[in-house]
Amino acid sequence: MKLLRIGAWIMGALAVVSLGFLAVGFLLPSQWEARAELALDAPPEAIYPWVAGGEGWTRWTPVPEEGVEFLGPASGSGSGYRWDDPGYGKGEFRITATAPPSKVAYEVEVEGGSIRIQGRLDLVPHGDGGTLVRWEEFGDFGWNPLLGYMAGRMEALQGEQLRSSLETLRLRVAGE
C-alpha cells in the first residue's frame, strides 16, 4: 500500500512538472528572426538567376531528397517548389516578390501552415564589381509550446544555416 502511494505521488509530481513545462512553452515567444550576409565576387546580375526561382534555390540551399515538385514560372513571383519527404515533412517554398536584379522575397509554409517563414535577399553592389548578399528570415512557430523553447535558439541555429547556404551560393556562382 505504501509503494502504491509513493508511485501515485511520483506520477502526480511528474504530471505537475510536465504541465508546468508546457505552460512555460505557451508563454515563450513563438516568433524568431535570423540574418546572414556574405560578399560575393560577382555582380548582382550574375547572382540573381540563382535566387529568383525555385529550381535555382534547390541548387544552393538544403532541399528534401524526395517528393520535390516545382511550381509556377521558372523565376519571379510565384516560382517555387513543394515537398513531401519523411525527414522534412510537407511544405512549400514560394517566391512572393522580386525586383531584378536586387531583391527577392519568399515564404515557406510547413505542415499546412503550422510553421511559417518569410524571408528576403538583397543583392547590394559591393566593392569593385562584387555583391553583398544580405539574407533575412522571420518565422513563427505558432501555438506549439514545445517549439516555443526552440524559437529562442533560432537566431543562432537558422543563422548558421543561412551562412552555410550563402557559402554554397558563392561556390555555385563562382563555378566551383
Protein backbone atom coordinates (compact mmCIF):
# COMPACT_ATOMS: atom_id res chain seq x y z
CA MET A 1 0.00 0.00 0.00
CA LYS A 2 2.85 2.34 0.85
CA LEU A 3 4.50 1.62 -2.52
CA LEU A 4 1.23 2.45 -4.26
CA ARG A 5 1.07 5.86 -2.53
CA ILE A 6 4.70 6.60 -3.41
CA GLY A 7 4.02 5.63 -7.05
CA ALA A 8 0.95 7.88 -7.14
CA TRP A 9 2.94 10.75 -5.62
CA ILE A 10 5.71 10.32 -8.23
CA MET A 11 3.16 10.22 -11.08
CA GLY A 12 1.45 13.33 -9.71
CA ALA A 13 4.75 15.18 -9.42
CA LEU A 14 5.67 14.22 -13.00
CA ALA A 15 2.27 15.45 -14.21
CA VAL A 16 2.75 18.81 -12.45
CA VAL A 17 6.26 19.21 -13.88
CA SER A 18 5.04 18.30 -17.38
CA LEU A 19 2.14 20.74 -17.19
CA GLY A 20 4.49 23.45 -15.93
CA PHE A 21 6.87 22.77 -18.81
CA LEU A 22 4.02 23.09 -21.33
CA ALA A 23 2.66 26.23 -19.63
CA VAL A 24 6.04 27.94 -19.86
CA GLY A 25 6.30 26.85 -23.53
CA PHE A 26 2.99 28.59 -24.25
CA LEU A 27 4.32 31.79 -22.67
CA LEU A 28 7.57 31.83 -24.65
CA PRO A 29 7.69 33.87 -27.89
CA SER A 30 6.90 31.81 -30.97
CA GLN A 31 8.50 34.28 -33.38
CA TRP A 32 12.14 34.36 -34.39
CA GLU A 33 14.46 36.05 -36.86
CA ALA A 34 17.83 35.23 -38.38
CA ARG A 35 20.25 37.15 -40.58
CA ALA A 36 23.39 36.48 -42.57
CA GLU A 37 25.42 38.24 -45.23
CA LEU A 38 28.30 37.38 -47.49
CA ALA A 39 30.29 39.30 -50.12
CA LEU A 40 30.49 37.51 -53.48
CA ASP A 41 32.93 38.28 -56.29
CA ALA A 42 30.20 38.67 -58.91
CA PRO A 43 27.75 41.41 -59.90
CA PRO A 44 24.09 41.18 -58.81
CA GLU A 45 23.09 40.20 -62.37
CA ALA A 46 25.21 37.03 -62.12
CA ILE A 47 23.74 36.05 -58.73
CA TYR A 48 20.11 36.93 -59.39
CA PRO A 49 19.27 33.86 -61.55
CA TRP A 50 20.31 31.61 -58.64
CA VAL A 51 17.86 33.28 -56.23
CA ALA A 52 14.94 34.32 -58.47
CA GLY A 53 13.34 30.88 -58.95
CA GLY A 54 12.53 27.71 -57.07
CA GLU A 55 14.82 25.47 -59.10
CA GLY A 56 17.76 27.82 -58.57
CA TRP A 57 17.23 27.69 -54.80
CA THR A 58 17.44 23.89 -54.81
CA ARG A 59 21.00 24.14 -56.11
CA TRP A 60 22.40 26.03 -53.11
CA THR A 61 20.04 25.51 -50.15
CA PRO A 62 19.11 22.30 -48.29
CA VAL A 63 16.23 20.56 -50.04
CA PRO A 64 14.43 17.28 -49.32
CA GLU A 65 15.72 14.35 -51.33
CA GLU A 66 12.23 13.03 -52.11
CA GLY A 67 8.91 14.40 -53.28
CA VAL A 68 10.04 17.77 -54.68
CA GLU A 69 7.69 19.31 -57.23
CA PHE A 70 8.40 22.67 -58.89
CA LEU A 71 5.60 25.26 -59.01
CA GLY A 72 4.71 28.29 -61.09
CA PRO A 73 7.00 30.05 -63.52
CA ALA A 74 10.73 29.29 -63.75
CA SER A 75 11.56 32.54 -61.96
CA GLY A 76 9.94 35.56 -60.39
CA SER A 77 6.85 35.87 -58.25
CA GLY A 78 5.01 32.55 -57.93
CA SER A 79 8.04 30.39 -58.66
CA GLY A 80 8.80 27.76 -56.06
CA TYR A 81 8.53 24.15 -55.05
CA ARG A 82 6.66 21.91 -52.66
CA TRP A 83 7.85 18.78 -50.98
CA ASP A 84 6.59 15.71 -49.18
CA ASP A 85 9.55 14.00 -47.56
CA PRO A 86 9.74 11.72 -44.50
CA GLY A 87 12.58 13.77 -42.97
CA TYR A 88 11.36 17.28 -43.85
CA GLY A 89 7.60 16.70 -43.67
CA LYS A 90 5.29 18.51 -46.11
CA GLY A 91 5.87 22.07 -47.13
CA GLU A 92 6.06 24.73 -49.79
CA PHE A 93 8.58 27.42 -50.74
CA ARG A 94 7.35 30.24 -52.97
CA ILE A 95 8.87 33.48 -54.26
CA THR A 96 6.44 36.28 -53.40
CA ALA A 97 8.13 39.35 -54.90
CA THR A 98 11.16 40.27 -56.96
CA ALA A 99 12.95 43.43 -58.06
CA PRO A 100 15.58 42.28 -60.59
CA PRO A 101 18.47 42.16 -60.03
CA SER A 102 18.47 43.31 -56.41
CA LYS A 103 15.65 41.81 -54.30
CA VAL A 104 13.82 38.53 -53.78
CA ALA A 105 11.18 37.88 -51.11
CA TYR A 106 9.74 34.47 -50.30
CA GLU A 107 7.52 32.48 -47.96
CA VAL A 108 7.83 28.96 -46.61
CA GLU A 109 4.93 27.04 -45.13
CA VAL A 110 5.49 23.72 -43.36
CA GLU A 111 2.87 21.16 -42.33
CA GLY A 112 -0.15 23.11 -43.54
CA GLY A 113 0.97 26.39 -42.00
CA SER A 114 1.91 25.19 -38.53
CA ILE A 115 5.30 26.78 -39.23
CA ARG A 116 5.60 29.89 -41.42
CA ILE A 117 8.75 31.63 -42.57
CA GLN A 118 9.16 34.84 -44.54
CA GLY A 119 12.47 35.92 -45.94
CA ARG A 120 14.23 38.19 -48.34
CA LEU A 121 17.55 38.51 -50.08
CA ASP A 122 19.05 41.85 -51.01
CA LEU A 123 21.83 41.91 -53.61
CA VAL A 124 23.78 45.11 -53.00
CA PRO A 125 26.65 46.20 -55.29
CA HIS A 126 29.82 45.99 -53.22
CA GLY A 127 33.45 46.80 -53.84
CA ASP A 128 34.85 46.50 -57.34
CA GLY A 129 32.15 44.59 -59.22
CA GLY A 130 31.09 42.35 -56.32
CA THR A 131 27.84 41.94 -54.42
CA LEU A 132 26.96 41.87 -50.76
CA VAL A 133 24.16 39.33 -50.30
CA ARG A 134 22.03 40.16 -47.25
CA TRP A 135 19.59 37.47 -46.13
CA GLU A 136 16.87 37.90 -43.50
CA GLU A 137 14.34 35.34 -42.32
CA PHE A 138 11.42 35.73 -39.93
CA GLY A 139 9.48 32.77 -38.62
CA ASP A 140 6.59 31.89 -36.39
CA PHE A 141 6.14 28.50 -34.74
CA GLY A 142 2.53 29.26 -33.82
CA TRP A 143 0.99 27.91 -30.63
CA ASN A 144 3.22 24.84 -30.30
CA PRO A 145 4.57 25.01 -26.72
CA LEU A 146 7.47 22.69 -27.50
CA LEU A 147 8.66 24.84 -30.40
CA GLY A 148 8.44 27.90 -28.15
CA TYR A 149 11.60 26.62 -26.48
CA MET A 150 13.30 26.40 -29.87
CA ALA A 151 12.31 29.89 -31.06
CA GLY A 152 14.83 31.47 -28.73
CA ARG A 153 17.65 29.50 -30.33
CA MET A 154 16.63 30.04 -33.95
CA GLU A 155 18.72 33.18 -34.46
CA ALA A 156 21.85 31.08 -33.90
CA LEU A 157 20.61 27.83 -35.48
CA GLN A 158 18.99 29.29 -38.58
CA GLY A 159 21.64 31.99 -38.87
CA GLU A 160 24.27 29.26 -39.21
CA GLN A 161 22.16 27.54 -41.88
CA LEU A 162 21.83 30.82 -43.79
CA ARG A 163 25.60 31.39 -43.66
CA SER A 164 26.27 27.85 -44.86
CA SER A 165 23.83 28.26 -47.75
CA LEU A 166 25.39 31.59 -48.74
CA GLU A 167 28.79 29.91 -48.85
CA THR A 168 27.34 27.25 -51.17
CA LEU A 169 25.82 30.02 -53.31
CA ARG A 170 29.25 31.68 -53.51
CA LEU A 171 30.76 28.42 -54.78
CA ARG A 172 27.98 27.84 -57.34
CA VAL A 173 28.19 31.39 -58.70
CA ALA A 174 31.99 31.02 -58.98
CA GLY A 175 31.51 27.77 -60.91
CA GLU A 176 33.17 25.59 -58.26
